[in-house]
Amino acid sequence: MKKLIFLVAFAVATVTSHAQSTNGKQSKQMLSIQSALDVDSVVALRVYHVQDDYKAELERIVKSSIVDSVKREAIKSLIIKRNKELRSFLTISQSEKLIPSIERSIQNNK
């Protein structure tokens, strides 16, 4: 019985610790976004979610077994989608701070 209680307590502590480290990472990134773009926490959270969704989808594409040429097109489309979404609520100067110039050229060439 003591072992079971110990295991449950350990599991709860591990999950709580992971959640706190994830929240800490998100908080640091949100503060960085707020500072870099001079925006409030609501806009910073939107930027964070757009970037986080982009990273997850990019990782899925890279790990997939599709042909490299198809991967490149999927990544290009993903970049364009993310940049359009960011531009929908950021000013031009804010989006230029966030979107690398090489990605801005991809958008213009499509």
PDB file of N, CA and C in Angstrom:
ATOM      1  N   MET A   1       0.827  -1.191   0.000  1.00  0.00           N
ATOM      2  CA  MET A   1       0.000   0.000   0.000  1.00  0.00           C
ATOM      3  C   MET A   1       0.874   1.259   0.000  1.00  0.00           C
ATOM      4  N   LYS A   2       1.948   1.244   0.785  1.00  0.00           N
ATOM      5  CA  LYS A   2       2.835   2.407   0.836  1.00  0.00           C
ATOM      6  C   LYS A   2       3.501   2.647  -0.517  1.00  0.00           C
ATOM      7  N   LYS A   3       3.828   1.534  -1.205  1.00  0.00           N
ATOM      8  CA  LYS A   3       4.444   1.666  -2.519  1.00  0.00           C
ATOM      9  C   LYS A   3       3.484   2.327  -3.501  1.00  0.00           C
ATOM     10  N   LEU A   4       2.222   1.949  -3.430  1.00  0.00           N
ATOM     11  CA  LEU A   4       1.210   2.519  -4.316  1.00  0.00           C
ATOM     12  C   LEU A   4       1.056   4.018  -4.057  1.00  0.00           C
ATOM     13  N   ILE A   5       0.997   4.390  -2.804  1.00  0.00           N
ATOM     14  CA  ILE A   5       0.874   5.803  -2.453  1.00  0.00           C
ATOM     15  C   ILE A   5       2.099   6.577  -2.953  1.00  0.00           C
ATOM     16  N   PHE A   6       3.280   5.982  -2.765  1.00  0.00           N
ATOM     17  CA  PHE A   6       4.507   6.617  -3.231  1.00  0.00           C
ATOM     18  C   PHE A   6       4.482   6.802  -4.745  1.00  0.00           C
ATOM     19  N   LEU A   7       4.067   5.769  -5.483  1.00  0.00           N
ATOM     20  CA  LEU A   7       4.022   5.857  -6.945  1.00  0.00           C
ATOM     21  C   LEU A   7       3.036   6.920  -7.419  1.00  0.00           C
ATOM     22  N   VAL A   8       1.877   6.991  -6.775  1.00  0.00           N
ATOM     23  CA  VAL A   8       0.886   7.996  -7.153  1.00  0.00           C
ATOM     24  C   VAL A   8       1.424   9.400  -6.856  1.00  0.00           C
ATOM     25  N   ALA A   9       2.028   9.576  -5.705  1.00  0.00           N
ATOM     26  CA  ALA A   9       2.596  10.875  -5.337  1.00  0.00           C
ATOM     27  C   ALA A   9       3.712  11.258  -6.310  1.00  0.00           C
ATOM     28  N   PHE A  10       4.545  10.300  -6.688  1.00  0.00           N
ATOM     29  CA  PHE A  10       5.633  10.555  -7.628  1.00  0.00           C
ATOM     30  C   PHE A  10       5.071  10.957  -8.988  1.00  0.00           C
ATOM     31  N   ALA A  11       4.038  10.255  -9.445  1.00  0.00           N
ATOM     32  CA  ALA A  11       3.422  10.556 -10.741  1.00  0.00           C
ATOM     33  C   ALA A  11       2.826  11.958 -10.741  1.00  0.00           C
ATOM     34  N   VAL A  12       2.140  12.310  -9.678  1.00  0.00           N
ATOM     35  CA  VAL A  12       1.536  13.645  -9.577  1.00  0.00           C
ATOM     36  C   VAL A  12       2.625  14.716  -9.571  1.00  0.00           C
ATOM     37  N   ALA A  13       3.695  14.493  -8.835  1.00  0.00           N
ATOM     38  CA  ALA A  13       4.794  15.460  -8.769  1.00  0.00           C
ATOM     39  C   ALA A  13       5.456  15.623 -10.135  1.00  0.00           C
ATOM     40  N   THR A  14       5.618  14.530 -10.858  1.00  0.00           N
ATOM     41  CA  THR A  14       6.236  14.580 -12.176  1.00  0.00           C
ATOM     42  C   THR A  14       5.372  15.364 -13.153  1.00  0.00           C
ATOM     43  N   VAL A  15       4.081  15.088 -13.178  1.00  0.00           N
ATOM     44  CA  VAL A  15       3.158  15.785 -14.074  1.00  0.00           C
ATOM     45  C   VAL A  15       3.109  17.272 -13.731  1.00  0.00           C
ATOM     46  N   THR A  16       3.048  17.591 -12.451  1.00  0.00           N
ATOM     47  CA  THR A  16       3.002  18.982 -12.016  1.00  0.00           C
ATOM     48  C   THR A  16       4.282  19.708 -12.411  1.00  0.00           C
ATOM     49  N   SER A  17       5.413  19.061 -12.224  1.00  0.00           N
ATOM     50  CA  SER A  17       6.699  19.659 -12.573  1.00  0.00           C
ATOM     51  C   SER A  17       6.783  19.937 -14.065  1.00  0.00           C
ATOM     52  N   HIS A  18       6.338  18.990 -14.882  1.00  0.00           N
ATOM     53  CA  HIS A  18       6.354  19.164 -16.335  1.00  0.00           C
ATOM     54  C   HIS A  18       5.445  20.319 -16.745  1.00  0.00           C
ATOM     55  N   ALA A  19       4.270  20.386 -16.151  1.00  0.00           N
ATOM     56  CA  ALA A  19       3.325  21.458 -16.482  1.00  0.00           C
ATOM     57  C   ALA A  19       3.906  22.816 -16.116  1.00  0.00           C
ATOM     58  N   GLN A  20       4.574  22.894 -14.967  1.00  0.00           N
ATOM     59  CA  GLN A  20       5.171  24.160 -14.547  1.00  0.00           C
ATOM     60  C   GLN A  20       6.305  24.564 -15.468  1.00  0.00           C
ATOM     61  N   SER A  21       7.124  23.607 -15.902  1.00  0.00           N
ATOM     62  CA  SER A  21       8.225  23.959 -16.794  1.00  0.00           C
ATOM     63  C   SER A  21       7.704  24.394 -18.156  1.00  0.00           C
ATOM     64  N   THR A  22       6.623  23.773 -18.622  1.00  0.00           N
ATOM     65  CA  THR A  22       6.004  24.169 -19.885  1.00  0.00           C
ATOM     66  C   THR A  22       5.421  25.573 -19.758  1.00  0.00           C
ATOM     67  N   ASN A  23       4.722  25.839 -18.657  1.00  0.00           N
ATOM     68  CA  ASN A  23       4.148  27.165 -18.442  1.00  0.00           C
ATOM     69  C   ASN A  23       5.245  28.213 -18.300  1.00  0.00           C
ATOM     70  N   GLY A  24       6.342  27.868 -17.658  1.00  0.00           N
ATOM     71  CA  GLY A  24       7.465  28.786 -17.521  1.00  0.00           C
ATOM     72  C   GLY A  24       8.065  29.131 -18.868  1.00  0.00           C
ATOM     73  N   LYS A  25       8.209  28.131 -19.718  1.00  0.00           N
ATOM     74  CA  LYS A  25       8.744  28.343 -21.063  1.00  0.00           C
ATOM     75  C   LYS A  25       7.809  29.251 -21.860  1.00  0.00           C
ATOM     76  N   GLN A  26       6.505  28.973 -21.775  1.00  0.00           N
ATOM     77  CA  GLN A  26       5.525  29.792 -22.489  1.00  0.00           C
ATOM     78  C   GLN A  26       5.567  31.225 -21.975  1.00  0.00           C
ATOM     79  N   SER A  27       5.654  31.402 -20.675  1.00  0.00           N
ATOM     80  CA  SER A  27       5.695  32.749 -20.099  1.00  0.00           C
ATOM     81  C   SER A  27       6.917  33.517 -20.580  1.00  0.00           C
ATOM     82  N   LYS A  28       8.067  32.856 -20.613  1.00  0.00           N
ATOM     83  CA  LYS A  28       9.284  33.517 -21.090  1.00  0.00           C
ATOM     84  C   LYS A  28       9.149  33.921 -22.555  1.00  0.00           C
ATOM     85  N   GLN A  29       8.589  33.015 -23.361  1.00  0.00           N
ATOM     86  CA  GLN A  29       8.424  33.328 -24.781  1.00  0.00           C
ATOM     87  C   GLN A  29       7.423  34.463 -24.985  1.00  0.00           C
ATOM     88  N   MET A  30       6.357  34.465 -24.181  1.00  0.00           N
ATOM     89  CA  MET A  30       5.358  35.531 -24.297  1.00  0.00           C
ATOM     90  C   MET A  30       5.972  36.880 -23.922  1.00  0.00           C
ATOM     91  N   LEU A  31       6.765  36.914 -22.868  1.00  0.00           N
ATOM     92  CA  LEU A  31       7.432  38.162 -22.477  1.00  0.00           C
ATOM     93  C   LEU A  31       8.384  38.635 -23.566  1.00  0.00           C
ATOM     94  N   SER A  32       9.073  37.695 -24.176  1.00  0.00           N
ATOM     95  CA  SER A  32       9.987  38.032 -25.264  1.00  0.00           C
ATOM     96  C   SER A  32       9.230  38.621 -26.452  1.00  0.00           C
ATOM     97  N   ILE A  33       8.106  38.017 -26.796  1.00  0.00           N
ATOM     98  CA  ILE A  33       7.272  38.505 -27.900  1.00  0.00           C
ATOM     99  C   ILE A  33       6.746  39.901 -27.577  1.00  0.00           C
ATOM    100  N   GLN A  34       6.226  40.076 -26.347  1.00  0.00           N
ATOM    101  CA  GLN A  34       5.702  41.374 -25.936  1.00  0.00           C
ATOM    102  C   GLN A  34       6.775  42.461 -26.052  1.00  0.00           C
ATOM    103  N   SER A  35       7.948  42.133 -25.601  1.00  0.00           N
ATOM    104  CA  SER A  35       9.046  43.097 -25.622  1.00  0.00           C
ATOM    105  C   SER A  35       9.502  43.408 -27.051  1.00  0.00           C
ATOM    106  N   ALA A  36       9.690  42.385 -27.840  1.00  0.00           N
ATOM    107  CA  ALA A  36      10.201  42.566 -29.208  1.00  0.00           C
ATOM    108  C   ALA A  36       9.216  43.310 -30.101  1.00  0.00           C
ATOM    109  N   LEU A  37       7.934  43.035 -29.933  1.00  0.00           N
ATOM    110  CA  LEU A  37       6.926  43.624 -30.818  1.00  0.00           C
ATOM    111  C   LEU A  37       6.181  44.799 -30.192  1.00  0.00           C
ATOM    112  N   ASP A  38       6.425  45.041 -28.904  1.00  0.00           N
ATOM    113  CA  ASP A  38       5.739  46.107 -28.169  1.00  0.00           C
ATOM    114  C   ASP A  38       4.218  45.937 -28.276  1.00  0.00           C
ATOM    115  N   VAL A  39       3.752  44.760 -27.833  1.00  0.00           N
ATOM    116  CA  VAL A  39       2.324  44.435 -27.884  1.00  0.00           C
ATOM    117  C   VAL A  39       1.849  44.027 -26.497  1.00  0.00           C
ATOM    118  N   ASP A  40       0.530  43.959 -26.337  1.00  0.00           N
ATOM    119  CA  ASP A  40      -0.014  43.517 -25.055  1.00  0.00           C
ATOM    120  C   ASP A  40      -0.018  41.988 -24.977  1.00  0.00           C
ATOM    121  N   SER A  41      -0.433  41.468 -23.843  1.00  0.00           N
ATOM    122  CA  SER A  41      -0.372  40.020 -23.613  1.00  0.00           C
ATOM    123  C   SER A  41      -1.343  39.249 -24.503  1.00  0.00           C
ATOM    124  N   VAL A  42      -2.447  39.863 -24.889  1.00  0.00           N
ATOM    125  CA  VAL A  42      -3.427  39.181 -25.749  1.00  0.00           C
ATOM    126  C   VAL A  42      -2.824  38.928 -27.132  1.00  0.00           C
ATOM    127  N   VAL A  43      -2.192  39.943 -27.699  1.00  0.00           N
ATOM    128  CA  VAL A  43      -1.563  39.797 -29.016  1.00  0.00           C
ATOM    129  C   VAL A  43      -0.368  38.851 -28.919  1.00  0.00           C
ATOM    130  N   ALA A  44       0.404  38.972 -27.848  1.00  0.00           N
ATOM    131  CA  ALA A  44       1.553  38.080 -27.657  1.00  0.00           C
ATOM    132  C   ALA A  44       1.096  36.622 -27.583  1.00  0.00           C
ATOM    133  N   LEU A  45      -0.030  36.375 -26.931  1.00  0.00           N
ATOM    134  CA  LEU A  45      -0.554  35.012 -26.845  1.00  0.00           C
ATOM    135  C   LEU A  45      -0.972  34.508 -28.220  1.00  0.00           C
ATOM    136  N   ARG A  46      -1.592  35.360 -29.026  1.00  0.00           N
ATOM    137  CA  ARG A  46      -1.962  34.960 -30.394  1.00  0.00           C
ATOM    138  C   ARG A  46      -0.724  34.606 -31.207  1.00  0.00           C
ATOM    139  N   VAL A  47       0.300  35.454 -31.114  1.00  0.00           N
ATOM    140  CA  VAL A  47       1.554  35.187 -31.827  1.00  0.00           C
ATOM    141  C   VAL A  47       2.141  33.867 -31.352  1.00  0.00           C
ATOM    142  N   TYR A  48       2.156  33.670 -30.048  1.00  0.00           N
ATOM    143  CA  TYR A  48       2.706  32.437 -29.475  1.00  0.00           C
ATOM    144  C   TYR A  48       1.982  31.212 -30.037  1.00  0.00           C
ATOM    145  N   HIS A  49       0.649  31.261 -30.073  1.00  0.00           N
ATOM    146  CA  HIS A  49      -0.121  30.109 -30.570  1.00  0.00           C
ATOM    147  C   HIS A  49       0.097  29.871 -32.060  1.00  0.00           C
ATOM    148  N   VAL A  50       0.181  30.940 -32.840  1.00  0.00           N
ATOM    149  CA  VAL A  50       0.452  30.787 -34.277  1.00  0.00           C
ATOM    150  C   VAL A  50       1.814  30.127 -34.469  1.00  0.00           C
ATOM    151  N   GLN A  51       2.825  30.614 -33.742  1.00  0.00           N
ATOM    152  CA  GLN A  51       4.174  30.062 -33.855  1.00  0.00           C
ATOM    153  C   GLN A  51       4.226  28.618 -33.362  1.00  0.00           C
ATOM    154  N   ASP A  52       3.535  28.347 -32.265  1.00  0.00           N
ATOM    155  CA  ASP A  52       3.534  26.997 -31.692  1.00  0.00           C
ATOM    156  C   ASP A  52       2.864  25.998 -32.646  1.00  0.00           C
ATOM    157  N   ASP A  53       1.743  26.408 -33.242  1.00  0.00           N
ATOM    158  CA  ASP A  53       1.058  25.549 -34.216  1.00  0.00           C
ATOM    159  C   ASP A  53       1.947  25.306 -35.436  1.00  0.00           C
ATOM    160  N   TYR A  54       2.628  26.362 -35.877  1.00  0.00           N
ATOM    161  CA  TYR A  54       3.543  26.254 -37.013  1.00  0.00           C
ATOM    162  C   TYR A  54       4.654  25.248 -36.718  1.00  0.00           C
ATOM    163  N   LYS A  55       5.259  25.360 -35.547  1.00  0.00           N
ATOM    164  CA  LYS A  55       6.354  24.458 -35.182  1.00  0.00           C
ATOM    165  C   LYS A  55       5.886  23.000 -35.130  1.00  0.00           C
ATOM    166  N   ALA A  56       4.704  22.771 -34.574  1.00  0.00           N
ATOM    167  CA  ALA A  56       4.177  21.409 -34.487  1.00  0.00           C
ATOM    168  C   ALA A  56       3.922  20.827 -35.877  1.00  0.00           C
ATOM    169  N   GLU A  57       3.325  21.624 -36.752  1.00  0.00           N
ATOM    170  CA  GLU A  57       3.039  21.158 -38.115  1.00  0.00           C
ATOM    171  C   GLU A  57       4.330  20.951 -38.899  1.00  0.00           C
ATOM    172  N   LEU A  58       5.290  21.844 -38.719  1.00  0.00           N
ATOM    173  CA  LEU A  58       6.576  21.709 -39.389  1.00  0.00           C
ATOM    174  C   LEU A  58       7.274  20.414 -38.959  1.00  0.00           C
ATOM    175  N   GLU A  59       7.232  20.131 -37.680  1.00  0.00           N
ATOM    176  CA  GLU A  59       7.838  18.898 -37.168  1.00  0.00           C
ATOM    177  C   GLU A  59       7.154  17.668 -37.762  1.00  0.00           C
ATOM    178  N   ARG A  60       5.821  17.733 -37.880  1.00  0.00           N
ATOM    179  CA  ARG A  60       5.070  16.619 -38.470  1.00  0.00           C
ATOM    180  C   ARG A  60       5.478  16.407 -39.924  1.00  0.00           C
ATOM    181  N   ILE A  61       5.619  17.493 -40.672  1.00  0.00           N
ATOM    182  CA  ILE A  61       6.009  17.393 -42.082  1.00  0.00           C
ATOM    183  C   ILE A  61       7.408  16.815 -42.215  1.00  0.00           C
ATOM    184  N   VAL A  62       8.331  17.332 -41.429  1.00  0.00           N
ATOM    185  CA  VAL A  62       9.728  16.889 -41.512  1.00  0.00           C
ATOM    186  C   VAL A  62       9.859  15.403 -41.166  1.00  0.00           C
ATOM    187  N   LYS A  63       9.101  14.945 -40.191  1.00  0.00           N
ATOM    188  CA  LYS A  63       9.187  13.545 -39.772  1.00  0.00           C
ATOM    189  C   LYS A  63       8.417  12.603 -40.695  1.00  0.00           C
ATOM    190  N   SER A  64       7.587  13.147 -41.565  1.00  0.00           N
ATOM    191  CA  SER A  64       6.777  12.293 -42.437  1.00  0.00           C
ATOM    192  C   SER A  64       7.661  11.599 -43.473  1.00  0.00           C
ATOM    193  N   SER A  65       7.108  10.590 -44.075  1.00  0.00           N
ATOM    194  CA  SER A  65       7.869   9.807 -45.055  1.00  0.00           C
ATOM    195  C   SER A  65       7.581  10.232 -46.495  1.00  0.00           C
ATOM    196  N   ILE A  66       7.023  11.412 -46.677  1.00  0.00           N
ATOM    197  CA  ILE A  66       6.728  11.872 -48.037  1.00  0.00           C
ATOM    198  C   ILE A  66       8.010  12.286 -48.756  1.00  0.00           C
ATOM    199  N   VAL A  67       7.928  12.364 -50.058  1.00  0.00           N
ATOM    200  CA  VAL A  67       9.069  12.704 -50.914  1.00  0.00           C
ATOM    201  C   VAL A  67       9.546  14.130 -50.597  1.00  0.00           C
ATOM    202  N   ASP A  68      10.860  14.352 -50.690  1.00  0.00           N
ATOM    203  CA  ASP A  68      11.440  15.644 -50.336  1.00  0.00           C
ATOM    204  C   ASP A  68      10.829  16.816 -51.095  1.00  0.00           C
ATOM    205  N   SER A  69      10.560  16.643 -52.376  1.00  0.00           N
ATOM    206  CA  SER A  69       9.987  17.750 -53.150  1.00  0.00           C
ATOM    207  C   SER A  69       8.593  18.111 -52.623  1.00  0.00           C
ATOM    208  N   VAL A  70       7.843  17.113 -52.199  1.00  0.00           N
ATOM    209  CA  VAL A  70       6.515  17.349 -51.635  1.00  0.00           C
ATOM    210  C   VAL A  70       6.652  18.013 -50.263  1.00  0.00           C
ATOM    211  N   LYS A  71       7.660  17.587 -49.497  1.00  0.00           N
ATOM    212  CA  LYS A  71       7.924  18.215 -48.203  1.00  0.00           C
ATOM    213  C   LYS A  71       8.226  19.698 -48.384  1.00  0.00           C
ATOM    214  N   ARG A  72       9.067  20.009 -49.353  1.00  0.00           N
ATOM    215  CA  ARG A  72       9.430  21.416 -49.587  1.00  0.00           C
ATOM    216  C   ARG A  72       8.191  22.250 -49.896  1.00  0.00           C
ATOM    217  N   GLU A  73       7.321  21.732 -50.744  1.00  0.00           N
ATOM    218  CA  GLU A  73       6.091  22.462 -51.088  1.00  0.00           C
ATOM    219  C   GLU A  73       5.175  22.601 -49.866  1.00  0.00           C
ATOM    220  N   ALA A  74       5.090  21.543 -49.073  1.00  0.00           N
ATOM    221  CA  ALA A  74       4.259  21.587 -47.859  1.00  0.00           C
ATOM    222  C   ALA A  74       4.805  22.620 -46.878  1.00  0.00           C
ATOM    223  N   ILE A  75       6.124  22.668 -46.744  1.00  0.00           N
ATOM    224  CA  ILE A  75       6.749  23.635 -45.845  1.00  0.00           C
ATOM    225  C   ILE A  75       6.539  25.053 -46.371  1.00  0.00           C
ATOM    226  N   LYS A  76       6.697  25.236 -47.674  1.00  0.00           N
ATOM    227  CA  LYS A  76       6.475  26.550 -48.284  1.00  0.00           C
ATOM    228  C   LYS A  76       5.037  27.021 -48.035  1.00  0.00           C
ATOM    229  N   SER A  77       4.077  26.127 -48.223  1.00  0.00           N
ATOM    230  CA  SER A  77       2.673  26.467 -47.979  1.00  0.00           C
ATOM    231  C   SER A  77       2.428  26.783 -46.515  1.00  0.00           C
ATOM    232  N   LEU A  78       3.079  26.042 -45.642  1.00  0.00           N
ATOM    233  CA  LEU A  78       2.943  26.262 -44.198  1.00  0.00           C
ATOM    234  C   LEU A  78       3.494  27.638 -43.812  1.00  0.00           C
ATOM    235  N   ILE A  79       4.634  28.004 -44.376  1.00  0.00           N
ATOM    236  CA  ILE A  79       5.234  29.315 -44.108  1.00  0.00           C
ATOM    237  C   ILE A  79       4.283  30.425 -44.561  1.00  0.00           C
ATOM    238  N   ILE A  80       3.749  30.287 -45.753  1.00  0.00           N
ATOM    239  CA  ILE A  80       2.836  31.296 -46.289  1.00  0.00           C
ATOM    240  C   ILE A  80       1.591  31.417 -45.416  1.00  0.00           C
ATOM    241  N   LYS A  81       1.053  30.286 -45.002  1.00  0.00           N
ATOM    242  CA  LYS A  81      -0.135  30.285 -44.135  1.00  0.00           C
ATOM    243  C   LYS A  81       0.154  30.997 -42.819  1.00  0.00           C
ATOM    244  N   ARG A  82       1.284  30.648 -42.185  1.00  0.00           N
ATOM    245  CA  ARG A  82       1.647  31.267 -40.907  1.00  0.00           C
ATOM    246  C   ARG A  82       1.836  32.773 -41.066  1.00  0.00           C
ATOM    247  N   ASN A  83       2.541  33.175 -42.121  1.00  0.00           N
ATOM    248  CA  ASN A  83       2.809  34.596 -42.324  1.00  0.00           C
ATOM    249  C   ASN A  83       1.526  35.383 -42.589  1.00  0.00           C
ATOM    250  N   LYS A  84       0.598  34.815 -43.345  1.00  0.00           N
ATOM    251  CA  LYS A  84      -0.686  35.485 -43.587  1.00  0.00           C
ATOM    252  C   LYS A  84      -1.442  35.660 -42.283  1.00  0.00           C
ATOM    253  N   GLU A  85      -1.416  34.613 -41.463  1.00  0.00           N
ATOM    254  CA  GLU A  85      -2.121  34.672 -40.186  1.00  0.00           C
ATOM    255  C   GLU A  85      -1.509  35.750 -39.285  1.00  0.00           C
ATOM    256  N   LEU A  86      -0.181  35.806 -39.229  1.00  0.00           N
ATOM    257  CA  LEU A  86       0.478  36.829 -38.407  1.00  0.00           C
ATOM    258  C   LEU A  86       0.181  38.228 -38.931  1.00  0.00           C
ATOM    259  N   ARG A  87       0.201  38.390 -40.248  1.00  0.00           N
ATOM    260  CA  ARG A  87      -0.058  39.706 -40.847  1.00  0.00           C
ATOM    261  C   ARG A  87      -1.499  40.167 -40.637  1.00  0.00           C
ATOM    262  N   SER A  88      -2.390  39.219 -40.362  1.00  0.00           N
ATOM    263  CA  SER A  88      -3.796  39.586 -40.188  1.00  0.00           C
ATOM    264  C   SER A  88      -4.035  40.386 -38.910  1.00  0.00           C
ATOM    265  N   PHE A  89      -3.111  40.307 -37.933  1.00  0.00           N
ATOM    266  CA  PHE A  89      -3.320  41.060 -36.700  1.00  0.00           C
ATOM    267  C   PHE A  89      -2.090  41.856 -36.230  1.00  0.00           C
ATOM    268  N   LEU A  90      -0.988  41.780 -36.968  1.00  0.00           N
ATOM    269  CA  LEU A  90       0.193  42.573 -36.632  1.00  0.00           C
ATOM    270  C   LEU A  90       0.359  43.711 -37.630  1.00  0.00           C
ATOM    271  N   THR A  91       1.017  44.771 -37.207  1.00  0.00           N
ATOM    272  CA  THR A  91       1.333  45.853 -38.134  1.00  0.00           C
ATOM    273  C   THR A  91       2.457  45.393 -39.061  1.00  0.00           C
ATOM    274  N   ILE A  92       2.709  46.158 -40.096  1.00  0.00           N
ATOM    275  CA  ILE A  92       3.775  45.810 -41.048  1.00  0.00           C
ATOM    276  C   ILE A  92       5.123  45.750 -40.337  1.00  0.00           C
ATOM    277  N   SER A  93       5.413  46.750 -39.516  1.00  0.00           N
ATOM    278  CA  SER A  93       6.718  46.752 -38.834  1.00  0.00           C
ATOM    279  C   SER A  93       6.839  45.601 -37.841  1.00  0.00           C
ATOM    280  N   GLN A  94       5.750  45.252 -37.165  1.00  0.00           N
ATOM    281  CA  GLN A  94       5.787  44.117 -36.240  1.00  0.00           C
ATOM    282  C   GLN A  94       6.010  42.810 -36.995  1.00  0.00           C
ATOM    283  N   SER A  95       5.303  42.623 -38.100  1.00  0.00           N
ATOM    284  CA  SER A  95       5.463  41.382 -38.861  1.00  0.00           C
ATOM    285  C   SER A  95       6.855  41.280 -39.465  1.00  0.00           C
ATOM    286  N   GLU A  96       7.439  42.415 -39.851  1.00  0.00           N
ATOM    287  CA  GLU A  96       8.797  42.385 -40.390  1.00  0.00           C
ATOM    288  C   GLU A  96       9.821  41.997 -39.332  1.00  0.00           C
ATOM    289  N   LYS A  97       9.557  42.335 -38.070  1.00  0.00           N
ATOM    290  CA  LYS A  97      10.443  41.929 -36.980  1.00  0.00           C
ATOM    291  C   LYS A  97      10.359  40.425 -36.732  1.00  0.00           C
ATOM    292  N   LEU A  98       9.208  39.862 -37.005  1.00  0.00           N
ATOM    293  CA  LEU A  98       8.958  38.462 -36.684  1.00  0.00           C
ATOM    294  C   LEU A  98       9.209  37.525 -37.858  1.00  0.00           C
ATOM    295  N   ILE A  99       8.917  37.972 -39.061  1.00  0.00           N
ATOM    296  CA  ILE A  99       9.033  37.121 -40.249  1.00  0.00           C
ATOM    297  C   ILE A  99      10.377  37.395 -40.921  1.00  0.00           C
ATOM    298  N   PRO A 100      11.229  36.387 -41.025  1.00  0.00           N
ATOM    299  CA  PRO A 100      12.538  36.581 -41.658  1.00  0.00           C
ATOM    300  C   PRO A 100      12.391  37.057 -43.109  1.00  0.00           C
ATOM    301  N   SER A 101      13.355  37.841 -43.570  1.00  0.00           N
ATOM    302  CA  SER A 101      13.268  38.411 -44.923  1.00  0.00           C
ATOM    303  C   SER A 101      13.190  37.331 -45.996  1.00  0.00           C
ATOM    304  N   ILE A 102      13.859  36.220 -45.791  1.00  0.00           N
ATOM    305  CA  ILE A 102      13.797  35.124 -46.783  1.00  0.00           C
ATOM    306  C   ILE A 102      12.367  34.593 -46.903  1.00  0.00           C
ATOM    307  N   GLU A 103      11.642  34.568 -45.796  1.00  0.00           N
ATOM    308  CA  GLU A 103      10.250  34.112 -45.844  1.00  0.00           C
ATOM    309  C   GLU A 103       9.335  35.162 -46.463  1.00  0.00           C
ATOM    310  N   ARG A 104       9.668  36.425 -46.275  1.00  0.00           N
ATOM    311  CA  ARG A 104       8.878  37.472 -46.928  1.00  0.00           C
ATOM    312  C   ARG A 104       9.020  37.376 -48.434  1.00  0.00           C
ATOM    313  N   SER A 105      10.212  36.993 -48.909  1.00  0.00           N
ATOM    314  CA  SER A 105      10.428  36.846 -50.356  1.00  0.00           C
ATOM    315  C   SER A 105       9.677  35.636 -50.888  1.00  0.00           C
ATOM    316  N   ILE A 106       9.545  34.590 -50.101  1.00  0.00           N
ATOM    317  CA  ILE A 106       8.767  33.415 -50.514  1.00  0.00           C
ATOM    318  C   ILE A 106       7.320  33.830 -50.741  1.00  0.00           C
ATOM    319  N   GLN A 107       6.809  34.625 -49.818  1.00  0.00           N
ATOM    320  CA  GLN A 107       5.429  35.102 -49.917  1.00  0.00           C
ATOM    321  C   GLN A 107       5.239  35.916 -51.189  1.00  0.00           C
ATOM    322  N   ASN A 108       6.193  36.760 -51.520  1.00  0.00           N
ATOM    323  CA  ASN A 108       6.069  37.638 -52.693  1.00  0.00           C
ATOM    324  C   ASN A 108       6.228  36.877 -54.005  1.00  0.00           C
ATOM    325  N   ASN A 109       6.925  35.746 -53.983  1.00  0.00           N
ATOM    326  CA  ASN A 109       7.129  34.979 -55.206  1.00  0.00           C
ATOM    327  C   ASN A 109       5.996  34.027 -55.531  1.00  0.00           C
ATOM    328  N   LYS A 110       5.083  33.839 -54.625  1.00  0.00           N
ATOM    329  CA  LYS A 110       4.002  32.879 -54.876  1.00  0.00           C
ATOM    330  C   LYS A 110       2.944  33.480 -55.742  1.00  0.00           C
TER     331      LYS A 110
END
